[in-house]
């Protein structure tokens, strides 16, 4: 009986340290990135759109893409990272 309890506790600990904790850390880092967005930052969205932030709202941002100055409003959760993502950085 004691062995079974110890194995269950060990299994829960392994799940916590291998799955839950790293995922929470990733979410926290992504939230800090989205909270630190400012006008003038270059961002890449989860869809691969690269643009410069021209307006920041509470839950969304407006980015300007390309030479023709197209403006797109996106939700903050759609931002993948700051800066243009290259193939080397993606790997």
PDB file of N, CA and C in Angstrom:
ATOM      1  N   UNK A   1       0.828  -1.194   0.000  1.00  0.00           N
ATOM      2  CA  UNK A   1       0.000   0.000   0.000  1.00  0.00           C
ATOM      3  C   UNK A   1       0.875   1.262   0.000  1.00  0.00           C
ATOM      4  N   UNK A   2       1.877   1.298   0.861  1.00  0.00           N
ATOM      5  CA  UNK A   2       2.767   2.452   0.955  1.00  0.00           C
ATOM      6  C   UNK A   2       3.523   2.672  -0.358  1.00  0.00           C
ATOM      7  N   UNK A   3       3.922   1.603  -1.001  1.00  0.00           N
ATOM      8  CA  UNK A   3       4.631   1.701  -2.271  1.00  0.00           C
ATOM      9  C   UNK A   3       3.756   2.341  -3.344  1.00  0.00           C
ATOM     10  N   UNK A   4       2.491   1.985  -3.364  1.00  0.00           N
ATOM     11  CA  UNK A   4       1.558   2.555  -4.338  1.00  0.00           C
ATOM     12  C   UNK A   4       1.402   4.057  -4.121  1.00  0.00           C
ATOM     13  N   UNK A   5       1.271   4.487  -2.876  1.00  0.00           N
ATOM     14  CA  UNK A   5       1.131   5.906  -2.558  1.00  0.00           C
ATOM     15  C   UNK A   5       2.387   6.667  -2.970  1.00  0.00           C
ATOM     16  N   UNK A   6       3.541   6.108  -2.695  1.00  0.00           N
ATOM     17  CA  UNK A   6       4.804   6.746  -3.059  1.00  0.00           C
ATOM     18  C   UNK A   6       4.917   6.871  -4.575  1.00  0.00           C
ATOM     19  N   UNK A   7       4.518   5.853  -5.307  1.00  0.00           N
ATOM     20  CA  UNK A   7       4.567   5.897  -6.779  1.00  0.00           C
ATOM     21  C   UNK A   7       3.615   6.951  -7.347  1.00  0.00           C
ATOM     22  N   UNK A   8       2.430   7.076  -6.765  1.00  0.00           N
ATOM     23  CA  UNK A   8       1.469   8.078  -7.226  1.00  0.00           C
ATOM     24  C   UNK A   8       2.009   9.481  -6.970  1.00  0.00           C
ATOM     25  N   UNK A   9       2.573   9.704  -5.794  1.00  0.00           N
ATOM     26  CA  UNK A   9       3.149  11.010  -5.457  1.00  0.00           C
ATOM     27  C   UNK A   9       4.318  11.318  -6.390  1.00  0.00           C
ATOM     28  N   UNK A  10       5.149  10.334  -6.660  1.00  0.00           N
ATOM     29  CA  UNK A  10       6.280  10.531  -7.576  1.00  0.00           C
ATOM     30  C   UNK A  10       5.784  10.857  -8.984  1.00  0.00           C
ATOM     31  N   UNK A  11       4.739  10.198  -9.434  1.00  0.00           N
ATOM     32  CA  UNK A  11       4.177  10.453 -10.750  1.00  0.00           C
ATOM     33  C   UNK A  11       3.614  11.867 -10.846  1.00  0.00           C
ATOM     34  N   UNK A  12       2.930  12.310  -9.812  1.00  0.00           N
ATOM     35  CA  UNK A  12       2.399  13.675  -9.782  1.00  0.00           C
ATOM     36  C   UNK A  12       3.537  14.688  -9.799  1.00  0.00           C
ATOM     37  N   UNK A  13       4.591  14.440  -9.043  1.00  0.00           N
ATOM     38  CA  UNK A  13       5.747  15.342  -9.021  1.00  0.00           C
ATOM     39  C   UNK A  13       6.413  15.411 -10.395  1.00  0.00           C
ATOM     40  N   UNK A  14       6.533  14.276 -11.052  1.00  0.00           N
ATOM     41  CA  UNK A  14       7.138  14.259 -12.390  1.00  0.00           C
ATOM     42  C   UNK A  14       6.288  15.066 -13.363  1.00  0.00           C
ATOM     43  N   UNK A  15       4.969  14.876 -13.337  1.00  0.00           N
ATOM     44  CA  UNK A  15       4.083  15.657 -14.203  1.00  0.00           C
ATOM     45  C   UNK A  15       4.219  17.143 -13.931  1.00  0.00           C
ATOM     46  N   UNK A  16       4.308  17.513 -12.663  1.00  0.00           N
ATOM     47  CA  UNK A  16       4.418  18.927 -12.315  1.00  0.00           C
ATOM     48  C   UNK A  16       5.700  19.526 -12.881  1.00  0.00           C
ATOM     49  N   UNK A  17       6.828  18.877 -12.633  1.00  0.00           N
ATOM     50  CA  UNK A  17       8.115  19.443 -13.045  1.00  0.00           C
ATOM     51  C   UNK A  17       8.392  19.306 -14.537  1.00  0.00           C
ATOM     52  N   UNK A  18       7.786  18.346 -15.203  1.00  0.00           N
ATOM     53  CA  UNK A  18       8.047  18.144 -16.626  1.00  0.00           C
ATOM     54  C   UNK A  18       7.012  18.811 -17.534  1.00  0.00           C
ATOM     55  N   UNK A  19       5.784  18.998 -17.062  1.00  0.00           N
ATOM     56  CA  UNK A  19       4.734  19.533 -17.919  1.00  0.00           C
ATOM     57  C   UNK A  19       4.141  20.839 -17.431  1.00  0.00           C
ATOM     58  N   UNK A  20       3.677  20.882 -16.220  1.00  0.00           N
ATOM     59  CA  UNK A  20       2.918  22.029 -15.727  1.00  0.00           C
ATOM     60  C   UNK A  20       3.815  23.241 -15.487  1.00  0.00           C
ATOM     61  N   UNK A  21       4.896  23.073 -14.792  1.00  0.00           N
ATOM     62  CA  UNK A  21       5.773  24.191 -14.447  1.00  0.00           C
ATOM     63  C   UNK A  21       6.358  24.896 -15.672  1.00  0.00           C
ATOM     64  N   UNK A  22       6.924  24.165 -16.651  1.00  0.00           N
ATOM     65  CA  UNK A  22       7.447  24.850 -17.844  1.00  0.00           C
ATOM     66  C   UNK A  22       6.363  25.586 -18.629  1.00  0.00           C
ATOM     67  N   UNK A  23       5.161  25.030 -18.691  1.00  0.00           N
ATOM     68  CA  UNK A  23       4.069  25.689 -19.411  1.00  0.00           C
ATOM     69  C   UNK A  23       3.673  26.990 -18.720  1.00  0.00           C
ATOM     70  N   UNK A  24       3.599  26.980 -17.405  1.00  0.00           N
ATOM     71  CA  UNK A  24       3.283  28.204 -16.665  1.00  0.00           C
ATOM     72  C   UNK A  24       4.366  29.263 -16.847  1.00  0.00           C
ATOM     73  N   UNK A  25       5.616  28.831 -16.894  1.00  0.00           N
ATOM     74  CA  UNK A  25       6.724  29.763 -17.103  1.00  0.00           C
ATOM     75  C   UNK A  25       6.630  30.404 -18.482  1.00  0.00           C
ATOM     76  N   UNK A  26       6.295  29.601 -19.507  1.00  0.00           N
ATOM     77  CA  UNK A  26       6.131  30.124 -20.864  1.00  0.00           C
ATOM     78  C   UNK A  26       4.999  31.142 -20.925  1.00  0.00           C
ATOM     79  N   UNK A  27       3.882  30.832 -20.284  1.00  0.00           N
ATOM     80  CA  UNK A  27       2.736  31.752 -20.279  1.00  0.00           C
ATOM     81  C   UNK A  27       3.097  33.070 -19.598  1.00  0.00           C
ATOM     82  N   UNK A  28       3.843  32.996 -18.517  1.00  0.00           N
ATOM     83  CA  UNK A  28       4.241  34.195 -17.787  1.00  0.00           C
ATOM     84  C   UNK A  28       5.158  35.070 -18.640  1.00  0.00           C
ATOM     85  N   UNK A  29       6.112  34.455 -19.334  1.00  0.00           N
ATOM     86  CA  UNK A  29       7.014  35.206 -20.209  1.00  0.00           C
ATOM     87  C   UNK A  29       6.256  35.856 -21.367  1.00  0.00           C
ATOM     88  N   UNK A  30       5.287  35.130 -21.943  1.00  0.00           N
ATOM     89  CA  UNK A  30       4.494  35.681 -23.043  1.00  0.00           C
ATOM     90  C   UNK A  30       3.660  36.860 -22.569  1.00  0.00           C
ATOM     91  N   UNK A  31       3.098  36.770 -21.363  1.00  0.00           N
ATOM     92  CA  UNK A  31       2.302  37.866 -20.822  1.00  0.00           C
ATOM     93  C   UNK A  31       3.167  39.095 -20.554  1.00  0.00           C
ATOM     94  N   UNK A  32       4.384  38.886 -20.051  1.00  0.00           N
ATOM     95  CA  UNK A  32       5.295  40.008 -19.826  1.00  0.00           C
ATOM     96  C   UNK A  32       5.663  40.674 -21.146  1.00  0.00           C
ATOM     97  N   UNK A  33       5.874  39.872 -22.191  1.00  0.00           N
ATOM     98  CA  UNK A  33       6.172  40.420 -23.521  1.00  0.00           C
ATOM     99  C   UNK A  33       5.013  41.282 -23.996  1.00  0.00           C
ATOM    100  N   UNK A  34       3.797  40.796 -23.871  1.00  0.00           N
ATOM    101  CA  UNK A  34       2.625  41.528 -24.353  1.00  0.00           C
ATOM    102  C   UNK A  34       2.349  42.776 -23.530  1.00  0.00           C
ATOM    103  N   UNK A  35       2.673  42.740 -22.250  1.00  0.00           N
ATOM    104  CA  UNK A  35       2.483  43.926 -21.410  1.00  0.00           C
ATOM    105  C   UNK A  35       3.529  45.004 -21.704  1.00  0.00           C
ATOM    106  N   UNK A  36       4.674  44.612 -22.243  1.00  0.00           N
ATOM    107  CA  UNK A  36       5.758  45.572 -22.479  1.00  0.00           C
ATOM    108  C   UNK A  36       5.736  46.161 -23.890  1.00  0.00           C
ATOM    109  N   UNK A  37       4.722  45.850 -24.677  1.00  0.00           N
ATOM    110  CA  UNK A  37       4.654  46.388 -26.045  1.00  0.00           C
ATOM    111  C   UNK A  37       4.481  47.896 -26.018  1.00  0.00           C
ATOM    112  N   UNK A  38       5.210  48.581 -26.888  1.00  0.00           N
ATOM    113  CA  UNK A  38       5.148  50.038 -26.963  1.00  0.00           C
ATOM    114  C   UNK A  38       5.164  50.479 -28.422  1.00  0.00           C
ATOM    115  N   UNK A  39       4.729  51.693 -28.643  1.00  0.00           N
ATOM    116  CA  UNK A  39       4.720  52.251 -29.995  1.00  0.00           C
ATOM    117  C   UNK A  39       6.148  52.274 -30.541  1.00  0.00           C
ATOM    118  N   UNK A  40       6.302  51.831 -31.771  1.00  0.00           N
ATOM    119  CA  UNK A  40       7.616  51.804 -32.404  1.00  0.00           C
ATOM    120  C   UNK A  40       8.283  50.440 -32.375  1.00  0.00           C
ATOM    121  N   UNK A  41       7.792  49.524 -31.558  1.00  0.00           N
ATOM    122  CA  UNK A  41       8.365  48.180 -31.514  1.00  0.00           C
ATOM    123  C   UNK A  41       8.002  47.422 -32.784  1.00  0.00           C
ATOM    124  N   UNK A  42       8.946  46.644 -33.295  1.00  0.00           N
ATOM    125  CA  UNK A  42       8.662  45.774 -34.427  1.00  0.00           C
ATOM    126  C   UNK A  42       8.263  44.419 -33.862  1.00  0.00           C
ATOM    127  N   UNK A  43       7.146  43.862 -34.313  1.00  0.00           N
ATOM    128  CA  UNK A  43       6.626  42.610 -33.786  1.00  0.00           C
ATOM    129  C   UNK A  43       6.311  41.630 -34.901  1.00  0.00           C
ATOM    130  N   UNK A  44       6.287  40.353 -34.536  1.00  0.00           N
ATOM    131  CA  UNK A  44       5.856  39.287 -35.423  1.00  0.00           C
ATOM    132  C   UNK A  44       4.657  38.613 -34.789  1.00  0.00           C
ATOM    133  N   UNK A  45       3.606  38.398 -35.566  1.00  0.00           N
ATOM    134  CA  UNK A  45       2.402  37.755 -35.038  1.00  0.00           C
ATOM    135  C   UNK A  45       2.522  36.243 -35.152  1.00  0.00           C
ATOM    136  N   UNK A  46       1.567  35.543 -34.541  1.00  0.00           N
ATOM    137  CA  UNK A  46       1.577  34.085 -34.633  1.00  0.00           C
ATOM    138  C   UNK A  46       1.290  33.616 -36.052  1.00  0.00           C
ATOM    139  N   UNK A  47       0.723  34.490 -36.868  1.00  0.00           N
ATOM    140  CA  UNK A  47       0.458  34.164 -38.267  1.00  0.00           C
ATOM    141  C   UNK A  47       1.596  34.531 -39.191  1.00  0.00           C
ATOM    142  N   UNK A  48       2.641  35.156 -38.665  1.00  0.00           N
ATOM    143  CA  UNK A  48       3.806  35.502 -39.467  1.00  0.00           C
ATOM    144  C   UNK A  48       3.804  36.915 -40.018  1.00  0.00           C
ATOM    145  N   UNK A  49       2.850  37.731 -39.635  1.00  0.00           N
ATOM    146  CA  UNK A  49       2.808  39.118 -40.102  1.00  0.00           C
ATOM    147  C   UNK A  49       3.818  39.929 -39.303  1.00  0.00           C
ATOM    148  N   UNK A  50       4.654  40.682 -40.007  1.00  0.00           N
ATOM    149  CA  UNK A  50       5.662  41.526 -39.366  1.00  0.00           C
ATOM    150  C   UNK A  50       5.242  42.972 -39.557  1.00  0.00           C
ATOM    151  N   UNK A  51       5.299  43.741 -38.480  1.00  0.00           N
ATOM    152  CA  UNK A  51       4.928  45.144 -38.584  1.00  0.00           C
ATOM    153  C   UNK A  51       5.448  45.942 -37.410  1.00  0.00           C
ATOM    154  N   UNK A  52       5.241  47.244 -37.487  1.00  0.00           N
ATOM    155  CA  UNK A  52       5.657  48.171 -36.437  1.00  0.00           C
ATOM    156  C   UNK A  52       4.407  48.674 -35.718  1.00  0.00           C
ATOM    157  N   UNK A  53       4.454  48.673 -34.401  1.00  0.00           N
ATOM    158  CA  UNK A  53       3.306  49.107 -33.615  1.00  0.00           C
ATOM    159  C   UNK A  53       3.141  50.613 -33.761  1.00  0.00           C
ATOM    160  N   UNK A  54       1.919  51.045 -34.088  1.00  0.00           N
ATOM    161  CA  UNK A  54       1.661  52.478 -34.188  1.00  0.00           C
ATOM    162  C   UNK A  54       0.629  52.941 -33.163  1.00  0.00           C
ATOM    163  N   UNK A  55      -0.060  52.004 -32.497  1.00  0.00           N
ATOM    164  CA  UNK A  55      -1.014  52.381 -31.450  1.00  0.00           C
ATOM    165  C   UNK A  55      -1.238  51.179 -30.534  1.00  0.00           C
ATOM    166  N   UNK A  56      -1.219  51.420 -29.219  1.00  0.00           N
ATOM    167  CA  UNK A  56      -1.435  50.354 -28.248  1.00  0.00           C
ATOM    168  C   UNK A  56      -2.706  50.652 -27.467  1.00  0.00           C
ATOM    169  N   UNK A  57      -3.614  49.673 -27.451  1.00  0.00           N
ATOM    170  CA  UNK A  57      -4.843  49.771 -26.673  1.00  0.00           C
ATOM    171  C   UNK A  57      -4.767  48.770 -25.530  1.00  0.00           C
ATOM    172  N   UNK A  58      -5.831  48.683 -24.734  1.00  0.00           N
ATOM    173  CA  UNK A  58      -5.808  47.788 -23.572  1.00  0.00           C
ATOM    174  C   UNK A  58      -5.629  46.328 -23.971  1.00  0.00           C
ATOM    175  N   UNK A  59      -6.446  45.832 -24.895  1.00  0.00           N
ATOM    176  CA  UNK A  59      -6.388  44.427 -25.292  1.00  0.00           C
ATOM    177  C   UNK A  59      -5.960  44.216 -26.737  1.00  0.00           C
ATOM    178  N   UNK A  60      -5.664  45.293 -27.445  1.00  0.00           N
ATOM    179  CA  UNK A  60      -5.282  45.154 -28.844  1.00  0.00           C
ATOM    180  C   UNK A  60      -4.199  46.165 -29.196  1.00  0.00           C
ATOM    181  N   UNK A  61      -3.606  45.948 -30.365  1.00  0.00           N
ATOM    182  CA  UNK A  61      -2.605  46.873 -30.888  1.00  0.00           C
ATOM    183  C   UNK A  61      -2.911  47.115 -32.358  1.00  0.00           C
ATOM    184  N   UNK A  62      -2.407  48.202 -32.880  1.00  0.00           N
ATOM    185  CA  UNK A  62      -2.515  48.494 -34.311  1.00  0.00           C
ATOM    186  C   UNK A  62      -1.094  48.490 -34.848  1.00  0.00           C
ATOM    187  N   UNK A  63      -0.862  47.652 -35.871  1.00  0.00           N
ATOM    188  CA  UNK A  63       0.468  47.604 -36.473  1.00  0.00           C
ATOM    189  C   UNK A  63       0.392  48.124 -37.899  1.00  0.00           C
ATOM    190  N   UNK A  64       1.514  48.621 -38.355  1.00  0.00           N
ATOM    191  CA  UNK A  64       1.656  49.139 -39.708  1.00  0.00           C
ATOM    192  C   UNK A  64       2.618  48.213 -40.437  1.00  0.00           C
ATOM    193  N   UNK A  65       2.180  47.671 -41.565  1.00  0.00           N
ATOM    194  CA  UNK A  65       3.006  46.714 -42.289  1.00  0.00           C
ATOM    195  C   UNK A  65       3.394  47.254 -43.650  1.00  0.00           C
ATOM    196  N   UNK A  66       4.561  46.885 -44.098  1.00  0.00           N
ATOM    197  CA  UNK A  66       5.006  47.169 -45.453  1.00  0.00           C
ATOM    198  C   UNK A  66       5.197  48.628 -45.795  1.00  0.00           C
ATOM    199  N   UNK A  67       5.634  48.833 -47.027  1.00  0.00           N
ATOM    200  CA  UNK A  67       5.912  50.176 -47.523  1.00  0.00           C
ATOM    201  C   UNK A  67       4.633  50.932 -47.838  1.00  0.00           C
ATOM    202  N   UNK A  68       3.529  50.213 -48.075  1.00  0.00           N
ATOM    203  CA  UNK A  68       2.279  50.880 -48.407  1.00  0.00           C
ATOM    204  C   UNK A  68       1.495  51.302 -47.163  1.00  0.00           C
ATOM    205  N   UNK A  69       2.074  51.095 -45.995  1.00  0.00           N
ATOM    206  CA  UNK A  69       1.557  51.577 -44.709  1.00  0.00           C
ATOM    207  C   UNK A  69       0.152  51.062 -44.389  1.00  0.00           C
ATOM    208  N   UNK A  70      -0.076  49.793 -44.626  1.00  0.00           N
ATOM    209  CA  UNK A  70      -1.346  49.170 -44.280  1.00  0.00           C
ATOM    210  C   UNK A  70      -1.394  49.011 -42.766  1.00  0.00           C
ATOM    211  N   UNK A  71      -2.508  49.405 -42.158  1.00  0.00           N
ATOM    212  CA  UNK A  71      -2.659  49.280 -40.704  1.00  0.00           C
ATOM    213  C   UNK A  71      -3.633  48.159 -40.390  1.00  0.00           C
ATOM    214  N   UNK A  72      -3.239  47.311 -39.449  1.00  0.00           N
ATOM    215  CA  UNK A  72      -4.042  46.165 -39.046  1.00  0.00           C
ATOM    216  C   UNK A  72      -4.190  46.198 -37.534  1.00  0.00           C
ATOM    217  N   UNK A  73      -5.424  46.007 -37.045  1.00  0.00           N
ATOM    218  CA  UNK A  73      -5.637  45.921 -35.597  1.00  0.00           C
ATOM    219  C   UNK A  73      -5.647  44.452 -35.209  1.00  0.00           C
ATOM    220  N   UNK A  74      -4.840  44.108 -34.220  1.00  0.00           N
ATOM    221  CA  UNK A  74      -4.699  42.732 -33.754  1.00  0.00           C
ATOM    222  C   UNK A  74      -4.880  42.673 -32.247  1.00  0.00           C
ATOM    223  N   UNK A  75      -5.329  41.530 -31.771  1.00  0.00           N
ATOM    224  CA  UNK A  75      -5.394  41.302 -30.330  1.00  0.00           C
ATOM    225  C   UNK A  75      -3.968  41.071 -29.815  1.00  0.00           C
ATOM    226  N   UNK A  76      -3.704  41.456 -28.582  1.00  0.00           N
ATOM    227  CA  UNK A  76      -2.354  41.307 -28.033  1.00  0.00           C
ATOM    228  C   UNK A  76      -1.918  39.849 -27.956  1.00  0.00           C
ATOM    229  N   UNK A  77      -2.867  38.922 -27.746  1.00  0.00           N
ATOM    230  CA  UNK A  77      -2.482  37.518 -27.626  1.00  0.00           C
ATOM    231  C   UNK A  77      -1.936  36.965 -28.944  1.00  0.00           C
ATOM    232  N   UNK A  78      -2.135  37.677 -30.057  1.00  0.00           N
ATOM    233  CA  UNK A  78      -1.659  37.210 -31.355  1.00  0.00           C
ATOM    234  C   UNK A  78      -0.191  37.560 -31.610  1.00  0.00           C
ATOM    235  N   UNK A  79       0.454  38.246 -30.689  1.00  0.00           N
ATOM    236  CA  UNK A  79       1.861  38.625 -30.862  1.00  0.00           C
ATOM    237  C   UNK A  79       2.745  37.459 -30.426  1.00  0.00           C
ATOM    238  N   UNK A  80       3.619  37.022 -31.320  1.00  0.00           N
ATOM    239  CA  UNK A  80       4.517  35.908 -31.013  1.00  0.00           C
ATOM    240  C   UNK A  80       5.809  36.391 -30.356  1.00  0.00           C
ATOM    241  N   UNK A  81       6.411  37.444 -30.920  1.00  0.00           N
ATOM    242  CA  UNK A  81       7.650  37.968 -30.339  1.00  0.00           C
ATOM    243  C   UNK A  81       7.934  39.363 -30.869  1.00  0.00           C
ATOM    244  N   UNK A  82       8.878  40.013 -30.227  1.00  0.00           N
ATOM    245  CA  UNK A  82       9.325  41.325 -30.692  1.00  0.00           C
ATOM    246  C   UNK A  82      10.392  41.110 -31.743  1.00  0.00           C
ATOM    247  N   UNK A  83      10.401  41.994 -32.744  1.00  0.00           N
ATOM    248  CA  UNK A  83      11.379  41.888 -33.811  1.00  0.00           C
ATOM    249  C   UNK A  83      10.899  40.960 -34.903  1.00  0.00           C
ATOM    250  N   UNK A  84      11.527  41.046 -36.055  1.00  0.00           N
ATOM    251  CA  UNK A  84      11.180  40.181 -37.182  1.00  0.00           C
ATOM    252  C   UNK A  84      11.796  38.817 -36.940  1.00  0.00           C
ATOM    253  N   UNK A  85      10.996  37.773 -37.053  1.00  0.00           N
ATOM    254  CA  UNK A  85      11.494  36.431 -36.836  1.00  0.00           C
ATOM    255  C   UNK A  85      12.124  35.918 -38.120  1.00  0.00           C
ATOM    256  N   UNK A  86      13.354  35.467 -38.009  1.00  0.00           N
ATOM    257  CA  UNK A  86      14.052  34.911 -39.169  1.00  0.00           C
ATOM    258  C   UNK A  86      14.044  33.398 -39.064  1.00  0.00           C
ATOM    259  N   UNK A  87      14.466  32.715 -40.121  1.00  0.00           N
ATOM    260  CA  UNK A  87      14.513  31.249 -40.096  1.00  0.00           C
ATOM    261  C   UNK A  87      15.484  30.739 -39.035  1.00  0.00           C
ATOM    262  N   UNK A  88      16.604  31.424 -38.865  1.00  0.00           N
ATOM    263  CA  UNK A  88      17.598  30.988 -37.873  1.00  0.00           C
ATOM    264  C   UNK A  88      17.045  31.108 -36.472  1.00  0.00           C
ATOM    265  N   UNK A  89      16.290  32.181 -36.194  1.00  0.00           N
ATOM    266  CA  UNK A  89      15.722  32.376 -34.859  1.00  0.00           C
ATOM    267  C   UNK A  89      14.601  31.391 -34.589  1.00  0.00           C
ATOM    268  N   UNK A  90      13.881  30.985 -35.622  1.00  0.00           N
ATOM    269  CA  UNK A  90      12.773  30.049 -35.448  1.00  0.00           C
ATOM    270  C   UNK A  90      13.264  28.664 -35.069  1.00  0.00           C
ATOM    271  N   UNK A  91      14.457  28.309 -35.517  1.00  0.00           N
ATOM    272  CA  UNK A  91      15.002  26.982 -35.217  1.00  0.00           C
ATOM    273  C   UNK A  91      15.525  26.975 -33.814  1.00  0.00           C
TER     274      UNK A  91
END
